[in-house]
Amino acid sequence: MNIIKTTMEIDEDKLERVMKLGKFNTRKEAMDWALTEAERIATLNNIESNPWSPSVMEGMVDPDYDVMAIRQLEAPRVSYREVLKAKPKTGRKG
């Protein structure tokens, strides 16, 4: 990461509002956050204005990838009845 020191004219009232709303302690923190947010928004706007075509996406996912099979491997092997049996019963004793 390259850091530069610069002088620029900015709206001080706006900066103070951002610092207050974001609970930033320093102007540097507020400006770094603002630049990060601006980069994020610009990236999303770029993706939105340049959507990927199916031909571009074709090689991005392994054709043998099966998300449902992976979920089944990760899923606990417990039936609904077992869950109900294990659940502590609450209520009044008669």
N, C-alpha and C. Protein backbone atom coordinates (compact mmCIF):
# COMPACT_ATOMS: atom_id res chain seq x y z
N MET A 1 0.85 -1.17 0.00
CA MET A 1 0.00 0.00 0.00
C MET A 1 0.90 1.23 0.00
N ASN A 2 0.63 2.11 -0.95
CA ASN A 2 1.36 3.36 -1.03
C ASN A 2 0.54 4.46 -0.37
N ILE A 3 1.18 5.24 0.47
CA ILE A 3 0.53 6.35 1.15
C ILE A 3 1.14 7.64 0.59
N ILE A 4 0.27 8.58 0.23
CA ILE A 4 0.76 9.87 -0.23
C ILE A 4 0.23 10.95 0.71
N LYS A 5 0.99 11.98 0.82
CA LYS A 5 0.57 13.14 1.60
C LYS A 5 0.16 14.21 0.59
N THR A 6 -1.03 14.75 0.77
CA THR A 6 -1.53 15.70 -0.21
C THR A 6 -2.29 16.82 0.47
N THR A 7 -2.45 17.90 -0.26
CA THR A 7 -3.25 19.03 0.20
C THR A 7 -4.40 19.17 -0.77
N MET A 8 -5.62 19.26 -0.22
CA MET A 8 -6.78 19.43 -1.08
C MET A 8 -7.83 20.25 -0.36
N GLU A 9 -8.70 20.82 -1.15
CA GLU A 9 -9.80 21.58 -0.59
C GLU A 9 -11.00 20.66 -0.48
N ILE A 10 -11.55 20.55 0.73
CA ILE A 10 -12.73 19.72 0.94
C ILE A 10 -13.74 20.49 1.77
N ASP A 11 -14.97 20.06 1.72
CA ASP A 11 -16.06 20.66 2.48
C ASP A 11 -15.88 20.23 3.95
N GLU A 12 -15.44 21.15 4.78
CA GLU A 12 -15.14 20.82 6.17
C GLU A 12 -16.39 20.43 6.95
N ASP A 13 -17.52 21.07 6.66
CA ASP A 13 -18.76 20.71 7.34
C ASP A 13 -19.16 19.27 7.03
N LYS A 14 -19.02 18.90 5.75
CA LYS A 14 -19.35 17.54 5.35
C LYS A 14 -18.42 16.53 6.03
N LEU A 15 -17.14 16.87 6.09
CA LEU A 15 -16.18 15.99 6.75
C LEU A 15 -16.52 15.83 8.22
N GLU A 16 -16.88 16.90 8.88
CA GLU A 16 -17.25 16.83 10.30
C GLU A 16 -18.50 15.96 10.50
N ARG A 17 -19.48 16.08 9.58
CA ARG A 17 -20.68 15.24 9.68
C ARG A 17 -20.33 13.77 9.51
N VAL A 18 -19.47 13.48 8.54
CA VAL A 18 -19.06 12.09 8.32
C VAL A 18 -18.32 11.56 9.55
N MET A 19 -17.46 12.37 10.11
CA MET A 19 -16.71 11.95 11.30
C MET A 19 -17.67 11.65 12.46
N LYS A 20 -18.66 12.49 12.61
CA LYS A 20 -19.62 12.31 13.70
C LYS A 20 -20.49 11.07 13.46
N LEU A 21 -21.05 10.96 12.26
CA LEU A 21 -21.91 9.82 11.95
C LEU A 21 -21.17 8.49 11.98
N GLY A 22 -19.94 8.50 11.49
CA GLY A 22 -19.14 7.28 11.46
C GLY A 22 -18.34 7.04 12.72
N LYS A 23 -18.42 7.98 13.65
CA LYS A 23 -17.67 7.89 14.93
C LYS A 23 -16.17 7.71 14.69
N PHE A 24 -15.66 8.49 13.72
CA PHE A 24 -14.23 8.46 13.44
C PHE A 24 -13.52 9.45 14.36
N ASN A 25 -12.36 9.07 14.83
CA ASN A 25 -11.59 9.93 15.72
C ASN A 25 -10.73 10.94 14.98
N THR A 26 -10.34 10.59 13.75
CA THR A 26 -9.45 11.47 13.00
C THR A 26 -10.00 11.72 11.60
N ARG A 27 -9.55 12.80 11.01
CA ARG A 27 -9.92 13.10 9.62
C ARG A 27 -9.37 12.03 8.69
N LYS A 28 -8.19 11.54 9.01
CA LYS A 28 -7.57 10.51 8.18
C LYS A 28 -8.44 9.26 8.14
N GLU A 29 -8.98 8.84 9.29
CA GLU A 29 -9.85 7.67 9.33
C GLU A 29 -11.10 7.89 8.48
N ALA A 30 -11.69 9.08 8.60
CA ALA A 30 -12.89 9.40 7.84
C ALA A 30 -12.61 9.41 6.35
N MET A 31 -11.50 10.00 5.94
CA MET A 31 -11.16 10.06 4.52
C MET A 31 -10.84 8.67 3.97
N ASP A 32 -10.15 7.85 4.75
CA ASP A 32 -9.83 6.50 4.30
C ASP A 32 -11.12 5.70 4.11
N TRP A 33 -12.05 5.83 5.06
CA TRP A 33 -13.34 5.14 4.94
C TRP A 33 -14.08 5.64 3.69
N ALA A 34 -14.09 6.95 3.49
CA ALA A 34 -14.80 7.52 2.34
C ALA A 34 -14.22 7.01 1.02
N LEU A 35 -12.91 6.94 0.94
CA LEU A 35 -12.28 6.43 -0.28
C LEU A 35 -12.60 4.95 -0.49
N THR A 36 -12.60 4.18 0.58
CA THR A 36 -12.93 2.75 0.50
C THR A 36 -14.36 2.57 0.02
N GLU A 37 -15.29 3.35 0.57
CA GLU A 37 -16.69 3.29 0.15
C GLU A 37 -16.85 3.73 -1.31
N ALA A 38 -16.15 4.77 -1.69
CA ALA A 38 -16.22 5.24 -3.07
C ALA A 38 -15.70 4.16 -4.03
N GLU A 39 -14.63 3.49 -3.65
CA GLU A 39 -14.09 2.41 -4.47
C GLU A 39 -15.09 1.26 -4.58
N ARG A 40 -15.72 0.91 -3.47
CA ARG A 40 -16.71 -0.18 -3.46
C ARG A 40 -17.88 0.15 -4.37
N ILE A 41 -18.40 1.36 -4.25
CA ILE A 41 -19.55 1.78 -5.06
C ILE A 41 -19.18 1.84 -6.54
N ALA A 42 -18.00 2.38 -6.83
CA ALA A 42 -17.55 2.45 -8.23
C ALA A 42 -17.39 1.05 -8.82
N THR A 43 -16.89 0.11 -8.04
CA THR A 43 -16.75 -1.28 -8.50
C THR A 43 -18.11 -1.89 -8.79
N LEU A 44 -19.07 -1.69 -7.87
CA LEU A 44 -20.42 -2.22 -8.09
C LEU A 44 -21.07 -1.59 -9.32
N ASN A 45 -20.89 -0.29 -9.49
CA ASN A 45 -21.44 0.39 -10.68
C ASN A 45 -20.80 -0.14 -11.95
N ASN A 46 -19.51 -0.42 -11.91
CA ASN A 46 -18.81 -0.96 -13.06
C ASN A 46 -19.33 -2.35 -13.41
N ILE A 47 -19.53 -3.17 -12.39
CA ILE A 47 -20.05 -4.52 -12.62
C ILE A 47 -21.46 -4.44 -13.21
N GLU A 48 -22.27 -3.53 -12.66
CA GLU A 48 -23.64 -3.39 -13.13
C GLU A 48 -23.70 -2.91 -14.59
N SER A 49 -22.81 -2.01 -14.95
CA SER A 49 -22.85 -1.46 -16.32
C SER A 49 -22.13 -2.36 -17.32
N ASN A 50 -21.37 -3.33 -16.85
CA ASN A 50 -20.66 -4.26 -17.74
C ASN A 50 -20.95 -5.69 -17.31
N PRO A 51 -22.19 -6.15 -17.43
CA PRO A 51 -22.51 -7.50 -16.95
C PRO A 51 -21.76 -8.56 -17.75
N TRP A 52 -21.49 -9.64 -17.07
CA TRP A 52 -20.80 -10.75 -17.74
C TRP A 52 -21.77 -11.50 -18.62
N SER A 53 -21.30 -11.86 -19.77
CA SER A 53 -22.12 -12.66 -20.68
C SER A 53 -21.94 -14.14 -20.32
N PRO A 54 -22.86 -14.97 -20.73
CA PRO A 54 -22.71 -16.41 -20.47
C PRO A 54 -21.41 -16.97 -21.01
N SER A 55 -20.93 -16.45 -22.15
CA SER A 55 -19.68 -16.96 -22.71
C SER A 55 -18.48 -16.61 -21.83
N VAL A 56 -18.52 -15.45 -21.17
CA VAL A 56 -17.43 -15.07 -20.27
C VAL A 56 -17.47 -15.94 -19.02
N MET A 57 -18.67 -16.25 -18.54
CA MET A 57 -18.82 -17.01 -17.31
C MET A 57 -18.61 -18.51 -17.50
N GLU A 58 -18.58 -18.93 -18.75
CA GLU A 58 -18.55 -20.36 -19.05
C GLU A 58 -17.45 -21.13 -18.32
N GLY A 59 -16.24 -20.63 -18.28
CA GLY A 59 -15.14 -21.37 -17.67
C GLY A 59 -14.90 -21.03 -16.21
N MET A 60 -15.77 -20.26 -15.60
CA MET A 60 -15.53 -19.79 -14.23
C MET A 60 -15.88 -20.82 -13.16
N VAL A 61 -16.77 -21.73 -13.46
CA VAL A 61 -17.18 -22.74 -12.48
C VAL A 61 -16.93 -24.11 -13.06
N ASP A 62 -16.34 -24.97 -12.25
CA ASP A 62 -16.10 -26.34 -12.66
C ASP A 62 -17.43 -27.01 -13.01
N PRO A 63 -17.57 -27.59 -14.20
CA PRO A 63 -18.85 -28.20 -14.57
C PRO A 63 -19.24 -29.36 -13.66
N ASP A 64 -18.28 -29.95 -12.96
CA ASP A 64 -18.59 -31.05 -12.04
C ASP A 64 -18.95 -30.58 -10.65
N TYR A 65 -18.94 -29.27 -10.42
CA TYR A 65 -19.27 -28.71 -9.11
C TYR A 65 -20.75 -28.92 -8.83
N ASP A 66 -21.06 -29.54 -7.71
CA ASP A 66 -22.46 -29.82 -7.34
C ASP A 66 -22.69 -29.30 -5.92
N VAL A 67 -23.26 -28.11 -5.84
CA VAL A 67 -23.46 -27.47 -4.54
C VAL A 67 -24.38 -28.30 -3.64
N MET A 68 -25.38 -28.94 -4.20
CA MET A 68 -26.30 -29.73 -3.39
C MET A 68 -25.60 -30.95 -2.78
N ALA A 69 -24.71 -31.56 -3.53
CA ALA A 69 -23.97 -32.70 -3.00
C ALA A 69 -23.06 -32.26 -1.85
N ILE A 70 -22.46 -31.11 -1.98
CA ILE A 70 -21.60 -30.58 -0.91
C ILE A 70 -22.43 -30.26 0.32
N ARG A 71 -23.60 -29.66 0.13
CA ARG A 71 -24.48 -29.36 1.27
C ARG A 71 -24.90 -30.63 1.99
N GLN A 72 -25.17 -31.69 1.23
CA GLN A 72 -25.57 -32.95 1.86
C GLN A 72 -24.43 -33.52 2.71
N LEU A 73 -23.20 -33.36 2.25
CA LEU A 73 -22.05 -33.84 3.01
C LEU A 73 -21.88 -33.05 4.31
N GLU A 74 -22.21 -31.77 4.27
CA GLU A 74 -22.04 -30.91 5.43
C GLU A 74 -23.24 -30.94 6.37
N ALA A 75 -24.39 -31.37 5.88
CA ALA A 75 -25.62 -31.33 6.68
C ALA A 75 -25.58 -32.36 7.79
N PRO A 76 -26.09 -31.99 8.96
CA PRO A 76 -26.15 -32.98 10.04
C PRO A 76 -27.16 -34.06 9.69
N ARG A 77 -26.87 -35.26 10.08
CA ARG A 77 -27.75 -36.40 9.78
C ARG A 77 -28.69 -36.62 10.96
N VAL A 78 -29.60 -35.68 11.18
CA VAL A 78 -30.54 -35.77 12.29
C VAL A 78 -31.94 -35.60 11.73
N SER A 79 -32.83 -36.46 12.14
CA SER A 79 -34.21 -36.34 11.66
C SER A 79 -34.97 -35.32 12.50
N TYR A 80 -36.08 -34.88 11.97
CA TYR A 80 -36.92 -33.92 12.67
C TYR A 80 -37.42 -34.51 13.99
N ARG A 81 -37.76 -35.80 14.00
CA ARG A 81 -38.24 -36.45 15.24
C ARG A 81 -37.15 -36.47 16.30
N GLU A 82 -35.91 -36.67 15.90
CA GLU A 82 -34.80 -36.67 16.86
C GLU A 82 -34.63 -35.29 17.48
N VAL A 83 -34.83 -34.27 16.67
CA VAL A 83 -34.73 -32.90 17.18
C VAL A 83 -35.82 -32.65 18.21
N LEU A 84 -37.03 -33.09 17.92
CA LEU A 84 -38.14 -32.90 18.86
C LEU A 84 -37.92 -33.66 20.16
N LYS A 85 -37.38 -34.88 20.07
CA LYS A 85 -37.11 -35.67 21.28
C LYS A 85 -36.04 -35.02 22.15
N ALA A 86 -35.04 -34.42 21.51
CA ALA A 86 -33.93 -33.81 22.26
C ALA A 86 -34.30 -32.47 22.85
N LYS A 87 -35.34 -31.84 22.33
CA LYS A 87 -35.74 -30.51 22.80
C LYS A 87 -36.31 -30.63 24.20
N PRO A 88 -35.78 -29.83 25.14
CA PRO A 88 -36.30 -29.91 26.51
C PRO A 88 -37.75 -29.45 26.55
N LYS A 89 -38.54 -30.19 27.31
CA LYS A 89 -39.95 -29.84 27.44
C LYS A 89 -40.12 -28.82 28.54
N THR A 90 -40.91 -27.82 28.24
CA THR A 90 -41.20 -26.79 29.24
C THR A 90 -42.69 -26.82 29.53
N GLY A 91 -43.03 -26.43 30.68
CA GLY A 91 -44.44 -26.42 31.05
C GLY A 91 -44.60 -26.64 32.53
N ARG A 92 -45.82 -26.58 32.97
CA ARG A 92 -46.09 -26.77 34.41
C ARG A 92 -46.27 -28.24 34.74
N LYS A 93 -45.79 -28.56 35.89
CA LYS A 93 -46.02 -29.92 36.38
C LYS A 93 -47.33 -29.91 37.14
N GLY A 94 -48.14 -30.93 36.89
CA GLY A 94 -49.47 -30.99 37.47
C GLY A 94 -49.46 -31.64 38.74
